[in-house]
């Protein structure tokens, strides 16, 4: 499959951006399109792990069957076995009817284990057994049930470190990580910020049934200057906030962004101004000292080493000082 086809829209989601990092993701998904290999998607919160899982399923031989997701972090420990493997009627108090469980619901298709790193060691052992045997034991049943699933797992944890710390089973890790798909954070693909923002804006306005405003250049610059620790998910929330609260419904400006983002941008601007003030101060003192570092340090009441550190922080290289 041509990697460019991996941009297809699935359930309202698609991969957006032309950065090298995202093109690498597309190429890997493309190579996996004819495979049922188990895959482990790992990346920070909000990087799009669920979208990649959808793409892996819908471009695979399992595409005609179901993709069944389960958020491992959201299921209480006492319920995880029943949710995964099912149960018979009367197996426990409250089991008024039988339930097949996620493994059997995904039979012939894909089981998406989201937040797999949150599973307890006990649950990990049970999943490992099901994967290796191709069988599940519903609670209250005396006989195993065979099922064939393609497993895609996702986590924002470093599972190798979790294995070393004894919090994740090494055998399950190697069973899940047949193919690993690392997803880059926004900080590693800042050239994708504008196209992602435009895509999210159109999506949000369609969902809210709002006319789509334009993004001013200042607004886009503000998006590009922010760190996005929450990645695409955080950006989506920020743009939705801006659309819902915009002073001008036809154009989004930086002031429409959430307070924590606007405050961060203001802090960066102040830091830049302070850095520039420091730069001007150092240039003036050096000029008064005739370029002599010892004399300049004495004027600033600091050591030569401290002066050198201040020059470095202000971005003043030796060649720049010589030109000055």
Protein backbone atom coordinates (compact mmCIF):
# COMPACT_ATOMS: atom_id res chain seq x y z
CA UNK A 1 0.00 0.00 0.00
CA UNK A 2 1.18 3.50 -0.83
CA UNK A 3 1.98 5.28 2.49
CA UNK A 4 0.09 8.35 1.23
CA UNK A 5 -3.14 6.31 1.47
CA UNK A 6 -2.64 6.03 5.22
CA UNK A 7 -4.08 9.57 5.43
CA UNK A 8 -7.58 8.16 4.86
CA UNK A 9 -10.30 9.39 7.23
CA UNK A 10 -11.47 6.74 9.70
CA UNK A 11 -14.18 7.43 12.28
CA UNK A 12 -13.48 11.16 11.97
CA UNK A 13 -9.73 10.75 12.51
CA UNK A 14 -6.64 10.67 10.34
CA UNK A 15 -2.91 11.26 10.52
CA UNK A 16 -2.11 14.88 9.69
CA UNK A 17 1.23 16.44 8.87
CA UNK A 18 4.06 16.00 6.42
CA UNK A 19 7.00 15.94 8.83
CA UNK A 20 9.65 13.25 8.45
CA UNK A 21 8.56 11.75 11.79
CA UNK A 22 4.95 11.31 10.68
CA UNK A 23 5.97 10.01 7.27
CA UNK A 24 7.99 7.34 9.08
CA UNK A 25 4.82 6.35 10.99
CA UNK A 26 2.85 6.15 7.73
CA UNK A 27 5.49 4.00 6.09
CA UNK A 28 5.49 1.56 9.01
CA UNK A 29 1.68 1.35 9.07
CA UNK A 30 1.78 0.78 5.31
CA UNK A 31 4.25 -2.09 5.65
CA UNK A 32 2.01 -3.66 8.31
CA UNK A 33 -1.14 -3.34 6.16
CA UNK A 34 -1.04 -6.96 4.97
CA UNK A 35 0.01 -8.39 8.33
CA UNK A 36 -1.69 -9.65 11.45
CA UNK A 37 1.45 -9.12 13.52
CA UNK A 38 1.01 -7.98 17.11
CA UNK A 39 1.98 -4.31 17.44
CA UNK A 40 2.90 -2.09 20.38
CA UNK A 41 2.24 1.63 19.93
CA UNK A 42 4.06 3.84 22.39
CA UNK A 43 4.11 7.58 22.77
CA UNK A 44 3.23 10.43 25.07
CA UNK A 45 -0.35 11.21 26.05
CA UNK A 46 -2.25 12.81 23.18
CA UNK A 47 0.06 11.75 20.34
CA UNK A 48 -2.62 9.78 18.49
CA UNK A 49 -2.14 6.16 19.58
CA UNK A 50 -5.83 5.32 19.07
CA UNK A 51 -5.77 6.80 15.55
CA UNK A 52 -2.81 4.59 14.62
CA UNK A 53 -4.58 1.55 16.08
CA UNK A 54 -7.59 2.32 13.87
CA UNK A 55 -5.34 2.63 10.82
CA UNK A 56 -3.59 -0.65 11.60
CA UNK A 57 -6.94 -2.42 11.85
CA UNK A 58 -8.66 -0.86 8.85
CA UNK A 59 -5.68 -1.50 6.58
CA UNK A 60 -5.20 -5.12 7.69
CA UNK A 61 -6.70 -8.49 6.72
CA UNK A 62 -8.85 -8.15 9.88
CA UNK A 63 -10.61 -5.05 8.55
CA UNK A 64 -13.94 -6.80 7.84
CA UNK A 65 -14.20 -7.87 11.47
CA UNK A 66 -14.48 -5.74 14.58
CA UNK A 67 -11.86 -3.65 16.31
CA UNK A 68 -12.67 -4.02 20.00
CA UNK A 69 -11.00 -1.50 22.33
CA UNK A 70 -10.51 -1.82 26.06
CA UNK A 71 -8.97 0.86 28.26
CA UNK A 72 -6.93 -1.20 30.70
CA UNK A 73 -6.56 1.75 33.08
CA UNK A 74 -10.33 2.21 33.41
CA UNK A 75 -11.26 -1.32 34.49
CA UNK A 76 -11.08 -2.15 38.22
CA UNK A 77 -8.77 -5.08 39.05
CA UNK A 78 -11.70 -7.20 40.27
CA UNK A 79 -13.50 -6.81 36.91
CA UNK A 80 -10.64 -7.07 34.41
CA UNK A 81 -10.85 -10.88 33.98
CA UNK A 82 -14.57 -10.81 33.28
CA UNK A 83 -14.21 -7.87 30.88
CA UNK A 84 -11.47 -9.60 28.92
CA UNK A 85 -12.54 -13.25 28.97
CA UNK A 86 -16.26 -13.08 29.67
CA UNK A 87 -18.43 -14.92 32.19
CA UNK A 88 -21.35 -17.27 32.42
CA UNK A 89 -24.72 -16.39 33.87
CA UNK A 90 -24.58 -16.78 37.64
CA UNK A 91 -20.76 -16.85 37.75
CA UNK A 92 -20.84 -14.19 40.45
CA UNK A 93 -23.31 -11.93 42.20
CA UNK A 94 -24.79 -9.60 39.59
CA UNK A 95 -24.02 -11.84 36.57
CA UNK A 96 -27.68 -12.02 35.48
CA UNK A 97 -26.70 -13.02 31.95
CA UNK A 98 -23.67 -14.34 30.10
CA UNK A 99 -21.10 -11.96 28.59
CA UNK A 100 -18.60 -13.07 25.91
CA UNK A 101 -15.75 -10.72 26.92
CA UNK A 102 -13.53 -8.53 24.75
CA UNK A 103 -11.34 -11.37 23.44
CA UNK A 104 -14.33 -13.26 22.01
CA UNK A 105 -16.00 -10.10 20.73
CA UNK A 106 -12.81 -9.42 18.77
CA UNK A 107 -12.59 -12.98 17.38
CA UNK A 108 -11.28 -12.74 13.81
CA UNK A 109 -10.61 -9.03 14.25
CA UNK A 110 -8.41 -6.76 16.38
CA UNK A 111 -8.28 -6.36 20.14
CA UNK A 112 -6.92 -2.94 21.12
CA UNK A 113 -5.38 -2.98 24.60
CA UNK A 114 -5.11 0.73 25.37
CA UNK A 115 -2.99 1.81 28.36
CA UNK A 116 -1.64 -1.75 28.62
CA UNK A 117 1.11 -0.55 30.95
CA UNK A 118 -1.50 0.02 33.69
CA UNK A 119 -2.38 -3.68 34.02
CA UNK A 120 -1.52 -5.49 37.23
CA UNK A 121 0.98 -8.37 37.11
CA UNK A 122 -1.90 -10.80 37.73
CA UNK A 123 -3.88 -9.48 34.74
CA UNK A 124 -0.74 -9.52 32.61
CA UNK A 125 -0.24 -13.23 33.33
CA UNK A 126 -3.81 -14.04 32.30
CA UNK A 127 -3.52 -12.06 29.06
CA UNK A 128 -0.23 -13.75 28.26
CA UNK A 129 -1.80 -17.17 28.68
CA UNK A 130 -4.70 -16.24 26.40
CA UNK A 131 -2.37 -14.92 23.71
CA UNK A 132 -0.10 -17.96 23.81
CA UNK A 133 -2.85 -20.58 23.93
CA UNK A 134 -5.44 -18.90 21.72
CA UNK A 135 -8.01 -19.81 24.36
CA UNK A 136 -9.94 -17.97 27.05
CA UNK A 137 -11.68 -19.28 30.16
CA UNK A 138 -14.91 -17.38 30.82
CA UNK A 139 -15.62 -17.01 34.53
CA UNK A 140 -17.91 -19.81 35.69
CA UNK A 141 -17.11 -22.03 32.71
CA UNK A 142 -15.42 -25.41 32.94
CA UNK A 143 -14.22 -25.37 29.33
CA UNK A 144 -11.96 -23.01 27.39
CA UNK A 145 -13.18 -21.18 24.31
CA UNK A 146 -10.90 -20.76 21.31
CA UNK A 147 -10.59 -17.34 19.70
CA UNK A 148 -8.18 -15.79 17.22
CA UNK A 149 -7.43 -12.10 17.59
CA UNK A 150 -4.83 -9.68 16.30
CA UNK A 151 -3.62 -7.66 19.29
CA UNK A 152 -2.60 -4.01 19.09
CA UNK A 153 -1.47 -2.53 22.40
CA UNK A 154 -0.71 1.07 23.34
CA UNK A 155 1.01 2.74 26.26
CA UNK A 156 2.56 6.04 27.28
CA UNK A 157 4.97 4.20 29.59
CA UNK A 158 8.44 2.96 28.71
CA UNK A 159 7.69 -0.75 29.04
CA UNK A 160 11.37 -1.71 28.96
CA UNK A 161 11.89 0.38 32.09
CA UNK A 162 8.73 -1.12 33.59
CA UNK A 163 10.14 -4.60 32.94
CA UNK A 164 13.44 -3.66 34.60
CA UNK A 165 11.52 -2.28 37.59
CA UNK A 166 9.52 -5.50 37.89
CA UNK A 167 6.19 -3.82 37.13
CA UNK A 168 5.65 -5.43 33.72
CA UNK A 169 6.25 -9.03 32.69
CA UNK A 170 9.16 -9.45 30.28
CA UNK A 171 7.43 -12.36 28.51
CA UNK A 172 4.31 -10.30 27.85
CA UNK A 173 6.38 -7.35 26.69
CA UNK A 174 8.15 -9.47 24.07
CA UNK A 175 4.80 -11.03 23.08
CA UNK A 176 3.27 -7.59 22.49
CA UNK A 177 6.31 -5.83 20.99
CA UNK A 178 6.63 -7.94 17.84
CA UNK A 179 6.45 -4.63 15.96
CA UNK A 180 6.94 -1.37 17.82
CA UNK A 181 5.41 1.88 16.59
CA UNK A 182 6.87 4.94 18.36
CA UNK A 183 4.77 8.08 17.95
CA UNK A 184 6.61 11.42 18.00
CA UNK A 185 5.50 14.22 20.34
CA UNK A 186 4.56 17.63 18.95
CA UNK A 187 7.96 18.94 20.02
CA UNK A 188 9.56 16.62 17.46
CA UNK A 189 7.35 17.72 14.56
CA UNK A 190 6.67 21.39 15.02
CA UNK A 191 6.29 21.86 11.25
CA UNK A 192 3.03 19.90 11.55
CA UNK A 193 1.45 22.36 14.00
CA UNK A 194 -0.23 24.54 11.36
CA UNK A 195 -1.79 21.74 9.30
CA UNK A 196 -2.92 19.96 12.46
CA UNK A 197 -4.46 23.17 13.80
CA UNK A 198 -6.33 23.80 10.54
CA UNK A 199 -7.61 20.23 10.47
CA UNK A 200 -8.73 20.36 14.12
CA UNK A 201 -10.45 23.71 13.60
CA UNK A 202 -12.55 22.35 10.72
CA UNK A 203 -13.38 19.21 12.71
CA UNK A 204 -14.40 21.18 15.82
CA UNK A 205 -16.55 23.65 13.90
CA UNK A 206 -18.34 20.80 12.11
CA UNK A 207 -19.06 19.10 15.44
CA UNK A 208 -20.24 22.35 17.07
CA UNK A 209 -22.13 23.42 13.96
CA UNK A 210 -20.25 26.75 14.04
CA UNK A 211 -19.09 28.75 11.05
CA UNK A 212 -15.35 28.18 10.68
CA UNK A 213 -13.33 31.30 11.64
CA UNK A 214 -9.92 32.02 10.20
CA UNK A 215 -6.79 31.70 12.29
CA UNK A 216 -4.85 34.95 12.42
CA UNK A 217 -1.10 34.82 11.89
CA UNK A 218 -0.60 35.80 15.55
CA UNK A 219 -2.83 32.91 16.63
CA UNK A 220 -0.88 30.42 14.52
CA UNK A 221 2.41 31.84 15.78
CA UNK A 222 1.15 31.41 19.36
CA UNK A 223 0.37 27.75 18.63
CA UNK A 224 3.85 27.27 17.18
CA UNK A 225 5.55 28.90 20.17
CA UNK A 226 3.80 26.78 22.81
CA UNK A 227 5.38 23.52 24.03
CA UNK A 228 2.22 21.31 23.86
CA UNK A 229 3.06 18.82 26.64
CA UNK A 230 -0.38 17.28 26.04
CA UNK A 231 0.32 17.02 22.30
CA UNK A 232 -2.54 16.90 19.78
CA UNK A 233 -5.20 16.28 22.42
CA UNK A 234 -4.19 19.44 24.28
CA UNK A 235 -4.16 21.42 21.04
CA UNK A 236 -7.65 20.23 20.19
CA UNK A 237 -8.93 21.36 23.59
CA UNK A 238 -7.21 24.74 23.18
CA UNK A 239 -8.70 25.35 19.74
CA UNK A 240 -12.16 24.28 20.91
CA UNK A 241 -11.83 26.74 23.81
CA UNK A 242 -10.81 29.47 21.37
CA UNK A 243 -13.76 28.79 19.04
CA UNK A 244 -16.25 28.75 21.91
CA UNK A 245 -14.98 31.95 23.58
CA UNK A 246 -13.63 34.03 20.67
CA UNK A 247 -14.33 37.76 20.89
CA UNK A 248 -14.42 37.91 17.09
CA UNK A 249 -16.32 34.88 15.73
CA UNK A 250 -14.69 35.39 12.34
CA UNK A 251 -11.04 35.40 13.45
CA UNK A 252 -9.16 33.67 16.24
CA UNK A 253 -6.45 35.60 18.09
CA UNK A 254 -3.96 34.60 20.84
CA UNK A 255 -6.21 36.10 23.53
CA UNK A 256 -8.83 33.46 22.74
CA UNK A 257 -6.55 30.64 23.90
CA UNK A 258 -6.87 29.11 27.42
CA UNK A 259 -5.29 31.14 30.21
CA UNK A 260 -2.51 28.63 30.94
CA UNK A 261 -1.34 28.76 27.31
CA UNK A 262 -1.63 32.54 27.07
CA UNK A 263 0.26 32.88 30.38
CA UNK A 264 3.01 30.61 29.08
CA UNK A 265 3.36 32.71 25.95
CA UNK A 266 3.48 35.93 27.97
CA UNK A 267 6.18 34.37 30.17
CA UNK A 268 8.22 33.50 27.09
CA UNK A 269 7.86 37.04 25.80
CA UNK A 270 9.03 38.47 29.14
CA UNK A 271 11.96 36.05 29.20
CA UNK A 272 12.88 37.16 25.70
CA UNK A 273 12.72 40.81 26.72
CA UNK A 274 14.83 40.15 29.81
CA UNK A 275 17.35 38.24 27.70
CA UNK A 276 17.54 41.14 25.26
CA UNK A 277 18.00 43.60 28.14
CA UNK A 278 20.85 41.45 29.49
CA UNK A 279 22.36 41.34 26.01
CA UNK A 280 22.27 45.12 25.66
CA UNK A 281 23.74 45.57 29.14
CA UNK A 282 26.65 43.22 28.38
CA UNK A 283 27.35 44.87 25.02
CA UNK A 284 27.39 48.33 26.67
CA UNK A 285 29.72 47.28 29.50
CA UNK A 286 32.08 45.52 27.08
CA UNK A 287 32.15 48.61 24.87
CA UNK A 288 32.97 50.81 27.91
CA UNK A 289 35.71 48.33 28.87
CA UNK A 290 37.18 48.43 25.39
CA UNK A 291 36.40 44.74 24.92
CA UNK A 292 38.54 43.71 27.90
CA UNK A 293 36.78 40.87 29.74
CA UNK A 294 38.60 41.40 33.05
CA UNK A 295 37.70 45.09 33.13
CA UNK A 296 34.08 44.32 32.07
CA UNK A 297 33.79 41.71 34.83
CA UNK A 298 35.06 44.24 37.38
CA UNK A 299 32.43 46.77 36.22
CA UNK A 300 29.73 44.10 36.63
CA UNK A 301 31.13 43.06 40.01
CA UNK A 302 31.50 39.43 38.94
CA UNK A 303 34.26 36.98 38.01
CA UNK A 304 35.48 36.38 34.46
CA UNK A 305 33.90 32.91 34.50
CA UNK A 306 30.55 34.39 35.54
CA UNK A 307 30.88 36.94 32.76
CA UNK A 308 31.50 34.17 30.22
CA UNK A 309 28.42 32.30 31.42
CA UNK A 310 26.31 35.45 31.14
CA UNK A 311 27.60 36.06 27.63
CA UNK A 312 26.72 32.49 26.65
CA UNK A 313 23.20 32.73 28.11
CA UNK A 314 22.64 35.99 26.22
CA UNK A 315 23.67 34.29 22.98
CA UNK A 316 26.81 36.41 22.49
CA UNK A 317 29.53 34.38 20.82
CA UNK A 318 33.19 35.41 20.65
CA UNK A 319 32.89 36.10 16.92
CA UNK A 320 29.92 38.41 17.48
CA UNK A 321 31.84 40.35 20.12
CA UNK A 322 34.80 40.75 17.81
CA UNK A 323 32.53 42.10 15.06
CA UNK A 324 30.93 44.46 17.57
